Amino acid sequence: HRLTASLIQLLIEDKFRHPHGMLDRYIKRLITYEATDGAAFVKIEGSSDTQPYFYAIDGVIASDQLAQSAAHEVIFHYIMTGSHPRHYGVDRINLVSRGVGQFKDGAMQVIAMDQPGITIAAAIWL
């Protein structure tokens, strides 16, 4: 939900004046991919000074050995089985604090790295 919340925050800060441009900036910052499917709308909306405040996921992964290990595991497991790998224990709490993992239970003991944007960013980083 943090990724969705960060997009909504961008839209609110921009007062919803440039929704397509904000989405493009969000995607570019999150996964370093240049979205072009809404270019005509972005042109009509004009430019905005509002910038995403978070780091690109690939930079987080590249700078953290634990995140790198988890990214490799998630991507290769997807490639080999077509499904998400097992969840991690609280020993991988750093994945949550770095923004690439999320708690999957109310007791905050089960951690997953299964958000689509993060998975895409990890695949691009690999």
N, C-alpha and C. Protein backbone atom coordinates (compact mmCIF):
# COMPACT_ATOMS: atom_id res chain seq x y z
N HIS A 1 0.81 -1.20 0.00
CA HIS A 1 0.00 0.00 0.00
C HIS A 1 0.85 1.27 0.00
N ARG A 2 2.13 1.12 0.42
CA ARG A 2 2.98 2.30 0.47
C ARG A 2 3.22 2.88 -0.91
N LEU A 3 3.36 2.01 -1.92
CA LEU A 3 3.59 2.52 -3.27
C LEU A 3 2.37 3.27 -3.79
N THR A 4 1.20 2.72 -3.54
CA THR A 4 -0.04 3.40 -3.94
C THR A 4 -0.17 4.72 -3.20
N ALA A 5 0.12 4.71 -1.91
CA ALA A 5 0.03 5.93 -1.11
C ALA A 5 1.00 7.00 -1.61
N SER A 6 2.19 6.59 -2.04
CA SER A 6 3.15 7.58 -2.53
C SER A 6 2.68 8.19 -3.85
N LEU A 7 2.02 7.41 -4.70
CA LEU A 7 1.46 7.97 -5.93
C LEU A 7 0.33 8.94 -5.61
N ILE A 8 -0.53 8.56 -4.71
CA ILE A 8 -1.64 9.45 -4.32
C ILE A 8 -1.10 10.74 -3.71
N GLN A 9 -0.05 10.63 -2.90
CA GLN A 9 0.55 11.83 -2.33
C GLN A 9 1.07 12.76 -3.43
N LEU A 10 1.72 12.20 -4.44
CA LEU A 10 2.19 13.02 -5.56
C LEU A 10 1.03 13.74 -6.24
N LEU A 11 -0.04 13.01 -6.48
CA LEU A 11 -1.20 13.60 -7.14
C LEU A 11 -1.81 14.72 -6.31
N ILE A 12 -1.89 14.50 -4.99
CA ILE A 12 -2.45 15.53 -4.11
C ILE A 12 -1.54 16.75 -4.06
N GLU A 13 -0.23 16.53 -3.93
CA GLU A 13 0.71 17.66 -3.90
C GLU A 13 0.63 18.47 -5.18
N ASP A 14 0.34 17.82 -6.28
CA ASP A 14 0.22 18.48 -7.58
C ASP A 14 -1.20 19.01 -7.81
N LYS A 15 -2.08 18.79 -6.83
CA LYS A 15 -3.48 19.21 -6.91
C LYS A 15 -4.21 18.60 -8.10
N PHE A 16 -3.80 17.40 -8.48
CA PHE A 16 -4.41 16.64 -9.57
C PHE A 16 -4.42 17.39 -10.91
N ARG A 17 -3.47 18.31 -11.08
CA ARG A 17 -3.41 19.09 -12.33
C ARG A 17 -2.70 18.35 -13.46
N HIS A 18 -1.82 17.42 -13.12
CA HIS A 18 -1.01 16.72 -14.12
C HIS A 18 -1.02 15.22 -13.82
N PRO A 19 -2.17 14.57 -13.81
CA PRO A 19 -2.22 13.16 -13.38
C PRO A 19 -1.38 12.23 -14.25
N HIS A 20 -1.38 12.43 -15.56
CA HIS A 20 -0.61 11.56 -16.45
C HIS A 20 0.89 11.80 -16.28
N GLY A 21 1.26 13.07 -16.16
CA GLY A 21 2.67 13.40 -15.95
C GLY A 21 3.17 12.87 -14.62
N MET A 22 2.35 12.96 -13.58
CA MET A 22 2.75 12.44 -12.26
C MET A 22 2.91 10.92 -12.32
N LEU A 23 2.00 10.25 -13.00
CA LEU A 23 2.12 8.80 -13.13
C LEU A 23 3.39 8.42 -13.88
N ASP A 24 3.69 9.16 -14.95
CA ASP A 24 4.92 8.90 -15.70
C ASP A 24 6.16 9.11 -14.83
N ARG A 25 6.19 10.20 -14.06
CA ARG A 25 7.33 10.45 -13.17
C ARG A 25 7.44 9.38 -12.09
N TYR A 26 6.31 8.99 -11.58
CA TYR A 26 6.27 7.95 -10.55
C TYR A 26 6.87 6.65 -11.09
N ILE A 27 6.44 6.25 -12.28
CA ILE A 27 6.94 5.01 -12.89
C ILE A 27 8.44 5.12 -13.16
N LYS A 28 8.85 6.26 -13.71
CA LYS A 28 10.26 6.43 -14.03
C LYS A 28 11.12 6.39 -12.77
N ARG A 29 10.67 7.04 -11.71
CA ARG A 29 11.45 7.03 -10.46
C ARG A 29 11.43 5.66 -9.81
N LEU A 30 10.28 5.00 -9.84
CA LEU A 30 10.15 3.71 -9.17
C LEU A 30 10.97 2.63 -9.84
N ILE A 31 10.81 2.47 -11.17
CA ILE A 31 11.45 1.34 -11.84
C ILE A 31 12.37 1.76 -12.98
N THR A 32 12.68 3.04 -13.08
CA THR A 32 13.57 3.59 -14.11
C THR A 32 13.14 3.21 -15.52
N TYR A 33 11.84 3.20 -15.74
CA TYR A 33 11.27 2.91 -17.06
C TYR A 33 10.54 4.15 -17.54
N GLU A 34 10.75 4.52 -18.78
CA GLU A 34 10.13 5.71 -19.35
C GLU A 34 8.80 5.32 -20.02
N ALA A 35 7.70 5.63 -19.34
CA ALA A 35 6.38 5.34 -19.89
C ALA A 35 6.04 6.40 -20.95
N THR A 36 5.51 5.95 -22.08
CA THR A 36 5.20 6.88 -23.17
C THR A 36 3.77 6.76 -23.67
N ASP A 37 3.00 5.84 -23.11
CA ASP A 37 1.66 5.60 -23.64
C ASP A 37 0.70 6.77 -23.40
N GLY A 38 1.00 7.67 -22.47
CA GLY A 38 0.12 8.81 -22.22
C GLY A 38 0.75 10.12 -22.64
N ALA A 39 1.69 10.08 -23.58
CA ALA A 39 2.45 11.27 -23.97
C ALA A 39 1.55 12.41 -24.45
N ALA A 40 0.50 12.09 -25.17
CA ALA A 40 -0.40 13.14 -25.65
C ALA A 40 -1.08 13.85 -24.48
N PHE A 41 -1.48 13.09 -23.47
CA PHE A 41 -2.12 13.68 -22.29
C PHE A 41 -1.12 14.52 -21.49
N VAL A 42 0.10 14.02 -21.39
CA VAL A 42 1.14 14.74 -20.66
C VAL A 42 1.40 16.08 -21.34
N LYS A 43 1.42 16.08 -22.65
CA LYS A 43 1.64 17.32 -23.40
C LYS A 43 0.52 18.32 -23.16
N ILE A 44 -0.71 17.84 -23.16
CA ILE A 44 -1.87 18.72 -22.91
C ILE A 44 -1.83 19.28 -21.48
N GLU A 45 -1.46 18.44 -20.51
CA GLU A 45 -1.44 18.86 -19.11
C GLU A 45 -0.33 19.87 -18.82
N GLY A 46 0.76 19.83 -19.59
CA GLY A 46 1.88 20.72 -19.35
C GLY A 46 2.81 20.18 -18.28
N SER A 47 3.81 20.98 -17.93
CA SER A 47 4.81 20.52 -16.98
C SER A 47 4.41 20.83 -15.54
N SER A 48 5.07 20.14 -14.63
CA SER A 48 4.84 20.32 -13.21
C SER A 48 6.18 20.30 -12.48
N ASP A 49 6.26 21.04 -11.39
CA ASP A 49 7.49 21.06 -10.59
C ASP A 49 7.49 19.99 -9.51
N THR A 50 6.37 19.32 -9.31
CA THR A 50 6.27 18.30 -8.27
C THR A 50 7.13 17.10 -8.66
N GLN A 51 8.00 16.68 -7.74
CA GLN A 51 8.91 15.57 -8.00
C GLN A 51 8.69 14.45 -6.99
N PRO A 52 8.83 13.21 -7.42
CA PRO A 52 8.77 12.11 -6.46
C PRO A 52 9.87 12.27 -5.42
N TYR A 53 9.55 11.95 -4.19
CA TYR A 53 10.48 12.16 -3.08
C TYR A 53 11.24 10.89 -2.69
N PHE A 54 10.94 9.76 -3.33
CA PHE A 54 11.55 8.50 -2.93
C PHE A 54 12.62 8.10 -3.93
N TYR A 55 13.43 7.13 -3.53
CA TYR A 55 14.51 6.64 -4.39
C TYR A 55 14.01 5.54 -5.31
N ALA A 56 14.67 5.40 -6.44
CA ALA A 56 14.34 4.31 -7.35
C ALA A 56 14.65 2.99 -6.66
N ILE A 57 13.78 2.02 -6.87
CA ILE A 57 13.91 0.72 -6.23
C ILE A 57 15.22 0.05 -6.63
N ASP A 58 15.64 0.21 -7.90
CA ASP A 58 16.87 -0.46 -8.31
C ASP A 58 18.07 0.06 -7.53
N GLY A 59 18.06 1.34 -7.15
CA GLY A 59 19.14 1.88 -6.33
C GLY A 59 19.14 1.30 -4.93
N VAL A 60 17.95 1.09 -4.38
CA VAL A 60 17.84 0.47 -3.06
C VAL A 60 18.38 -0.96 -3.12
N ILE A 61 17.99 -1.68 -4.15
CA ILE A 61 18.44 -3.07 -4.30
C ILE A 61 19.95 -3.13 -4.52
N ALA A 62 20.45 -2.26 -5.37
CA ALA A 62 21.88 -2.29 -5.69
C ALA A 62 22.75 -1.94 -4.48
N SER A 63 22.20 -1.18 -3.53
CA SER A 63 23.02 -0.74 -2.40
C SER A 63 22.86 -1.61 -1.16
N ASP A 64 22.09 -2.67 -1.24
CA ASP A 64 21.82 -3.48 -0.05
C ASP A 64 21.96 -4.96 -0.38
N GLN A 65 22.93 -5.63 0.22
CA GLN A 65 23.20 -7.03 -0.07
C GLN A 65 22.01 -7.93 0.22
N LEU A 66 21.30 -7.68 1.30
CA LEU A 66 20.12 -8.48 1.65
C LEU A 66 19.02 -8.30 0.61
N ALA A 67 18.81 -7.07 0.17
CA ALA A 67 17.81 -6.81 -0.87
C ALA A 67 18.21 -7.45 -2.19
N GLN A 68 19.52 -7.44 -2.50
CA GLN A 68 20.00 -8.10 -3.71
C GLN A 68 19.71 -9.59 -3.66
N SER A 69 20.02 -10.19 -2.54
CA SER A 69 19.79 -11.62 -2.37
C SER A 69 18.30 -11.97 -2.53
N ALA A 70 17.46 -11.18 -1.89
CA ALA A 70 16.01 -11.42 -1.99
C ALA A 70 15.53 -11.19 -3.42
N ALA A 71 16.04 -10.15 -4.08
CA ALA A 71 15.64 -9.87 -5.46
C ALA A 71 16.01 -11.03 -6.38
N HIS A 72 17.22 -11.54 -6.23
CA HIS A 72 17.63 -12.70 -7.03
C HIS A 72 16.70 -13.88 -6.77
N GLU A 73 16.43 -14.14 -5.52
CA GLU A 73 15.57 -15.27 -5.17
C GLU A 73 14.17 -15.11 -5.76
N VAL A 74 13.58 -13.93 -5.60
CA VAL A 74 12.22 -13.69 -6.10
C VAL A 74 12.17 -13.84 -7.62
N ILE A 75 13.07 -13.18 -8.32
CA ILE A 75 13.04 -13.21 -9.79
C ILE A 75 13.30 -14.61 -10.32
N PHE A 76 14.30 -15.27 -9.82
CA PHE A 76 14.61 -16.61 -10.33
C PHE A 76 13.52 -17.61 -9.97
N HIS A 77 12.92 -17.45 -8.82
CA HIS A 77 11.81 -18.33 -8.46
C HIS A 77 10.63 -18.12 -9.41
N TYR A 78 10.34 -16.85 -9.72
CA TYR A 78 9.29 -16.55 -10.71
C TYR A 78 9.60 -17.19 -12.06
N ILE A 79 10.84 -17.05 -12.50
CA ILE A 79 11.24 -17.59 -13.80
C ILE A 79 11.08 -19.12 -13.82
N MET A 80 11.50 -19.76 -12.76
CA MET A 80 11.48 -21.23 -12.72
C MET A 80 10.11 -21.83 -12.46
N THR A 81 9.29 -21.17 -11.64
CA THR A 81 8.02 -21.79 -11.23
C THR A 81 6.78 -21.01 -11.64
N GLY A 82 6.94 -19.74 -11.96
CA GLY A 82 5.78 -18.92 -12.30
C GLY A 82 4.99 -18.49 -11.08
N SER A 83 5.55 -18.66 -9.90
CA SER A 83 4.86 -18.25 -8.68
C SER A 83 5.83 -17.54 -7.74
N HIS A 84 5.26 -16.89 -6.74
CA HIS A 84 6.09 -16.16 -5.78
C HIS A 84 6.74 -17.14 -4.81
N PRO A 85 7.98 -16.88 -4.43
CA PRO A 85 8.64 -17.77 -3.46
C PRO A 85 8.03 -17.63 -2.07
N ARG A 86 8.49 -18.48 -1.19
CA ARG A 86 8.02 -18.46 0.19
C ARG A 86 8.22 -17.08 0.79
N HIS A 87 7.53 -16.84 1.86
CA HIS A 87 7.69 -15.58 2.57
C HIS A 87 8.93 -15.65 3.47
N TYR A 88 9.41 -14.50 3.87
CA TYR A 88 10.57 -14.40 4.73
C TYR A 88 10.14 -14.18 6.18
N GLY A 89 11.06 -14.44 7.09
CA GLY A 89 10.81 -14.20 8.50
C GLY A 89 11.28 -12.81 8.90
N VAL A 90 11.10 -12.51 10.16
CA VAL A 90 11.45 -11.20 10.69
C VAL A 90 12.96 -10.92 10.59
N ASP A 91 13.76 -11.95 10.34
CA ASP A 91 15.20 -11.74 10.15
C ASP A 91 15.49 -10.90 8.91
N ARG A 92 14.51 -10.74 8.04
CA ARG A 92 14.69 -9.90 6.84
C ARG A 92 13.92 -8.59 6.96
N ILE A 93 13.84 -8.08 8.18
CA ILE A 93 13.13 -6.83 8.44
C ILE A 93 13.68 -5.67 7.62
N ASN A 94 14.96 -5.76 7.26
CA ASN A 94 15.58 -4.70 6.47
C ASN A 94 14.87 -4.50 5.13
N LEU A 95 14.27 -5.56 4.59
CA LEU A 95 13.52 -5.41 3.33
C LEU A 95 12.37 -4.43 3.51
N VAL A 96 11.72 -4.49 4.66
CA VAL A 96 10.61 -3.58 4.94
C VAL A 96 11.13 -2.17 5.17
N SER A 97 12.17 -2.03 5.98
CA SER A 97 12.69 -0.69 6.28
C SER A 97 13.29 -0.02 5.05
N ARG A 98 13.78 -0.79 4.09
CA ARG A 98 14.31 -0.22 2.85
C ARG A 98 13.23 0.03 1.81
N GLY A 99 11.99 -0.41 2.07
CA GLY A 99 10.88 -0.12 1.18
C GLY A 99 10.65 -1.12 0.08
N VAL A 100 11.35 -2.26 0.11
CA VAL A 100 11.15 -3.26 -0.94
C VAL A 100 10.37 -4.48 -0.46
N GLY A 101 10.13 -4.57 0.82
CA GLY A 101 9.35 -5.68 1.38
C GLY A 101 8.16 -5.15 2.13
N GLN A 102 7.25 -6.03 2.45
CA GLN A 102 6.07 -5.63 3.20
C GLN A 102 5.65 -6.75 4.13
N PHE A 103 5.04 -6.37 5.25
CA PHE A 103 4.52 -7.37 6.17
C PHE A 103 3.27 -7.99 5.57
N LYS A 104 3.11 -9.28 5.75
CA LYS A 104 1.95 -9.99 5.22
C LYS A 104 0.99 -10.43 6.32
N ASP A 105 1.32 -10.13 7.57
CA ASP A 105 0.46 -10.54 8.67
C ASP A 105 0.37 -9.44 9.71
N GLY A 106 -0.66 -9.50 10.53
CA GLY A 106 -0.87 -8.50 11.56
C GLY A 106 0.17 -8.50 12.66
N ALA A 107 0.80 -9.63 12.89
CA ALA A 107 1.82 -9.73 13.93
C ALA A 107 3.18 -9.24 13.46
N MET A 108 3.29 -8.86 12.20
CA MET A 108 4.53 -8.37 11.58
C MET A 108 5.68 -9.36 11.74
N GLN A 109 5.39 -10.61 11.43
CA GLN A 109 6.40 -11.67 11.50
C GLN A 109 6.70 -12.27 10.12
N VAL A 110 5.81 -12.04 9.16
CA VAL A 110 5.94 -12.61 7.82
C VAL A 110 6.17 -11.48 6.83
N ILE A 111 7.24 -11.56 6.06
CA ILE A 111 7.64 -10.51 5.13
C ILE A 111 7.67 -11.08 3.72
N ALA A 112 7.18 -10.29 2.77
CA ALA A 112 7.22 -10.69 1.37
C ALA A 112 7.79 -9.55 0.53
N MET A 113 8.34 -9.93 -0.58
CA MET A 113 8.82 -8.97 -1.58
C MET A 113 8.04 -9.30 -2.85
N ASP A 114 6.75 -8.93 -2.86
CA ASP A 114 5.87 -9.40 -3.93
C ASP A 114 5.07 -8.30 -4.63
N GLN A 115 5.41 -7.05 -4.41
CA GLN A 115 4.70 -5.99 -5.09
C GLN A 115 5.16 -5.90 -6.54
N PRO A 116 4.24 -5.75 -7.47
CA PRO A 116 4.62 -5.75 -8.90
C PRO A 116 5.68 -4.73 -9.28
N GLY A 117 5.56 -3.49 -8.81
CA GLY A 117 6.55 -2.47 -9.16
C GLY A 117 7.94 -2.83 -8.68
N ILE A 118 8.01 -3.37 -7.49
CA ILE A 118 9.30 -3.75 -6.94
C ILE A 118 9.87 -4.95 -7.69
N THR A 119 9.02 -5.90 -8.03
CA THR A 119 9.46 -7.07 -8.79
C THR A 119 9.98 -6.66 -10.16
N ILE A 120 9.29 -5.74 -10.81
CA ILE A 120 9.74 -5.24 -12.13
C ILE A 120 11.08 -4.52 -11.98
N ALA A 121 11.18 -3.66 -10.97
CA ALA A 121 12.45 -2.94 -10.75
C ALA A 121 13.58 -3.91 -10.48
N ALA A 122 13.31 -4.95 -9.72
CA ALA A 122 14.34 -5.95 -9.43
C ALA A 122 14.76 -6.68 -10.70
N ALA A 123 13.80 -7.00 -11.56
CA ALA A 123 14.12 -7.67 -12.81
C ALA A 123 14.94 -6.78 -13.72
N ILE A 124 14.62 -5.49 -13.77
CA ILE A 124 15.39 -4.55 -14.58
C ILE A 124 16.80 -4.42 -14.01
N TRP A 125 16.91 -4.37 -12.68
CA TRP A 125 18.23 -4.26 -12.04
C TRP A 125 19.10 -5.47 -12.37
N LEU A 126 18.49 -6.67 -12.39
CA LEU A 126 19.26 -7.87 -12.70
C LEU A 126 19.82 -7.78 -14.10
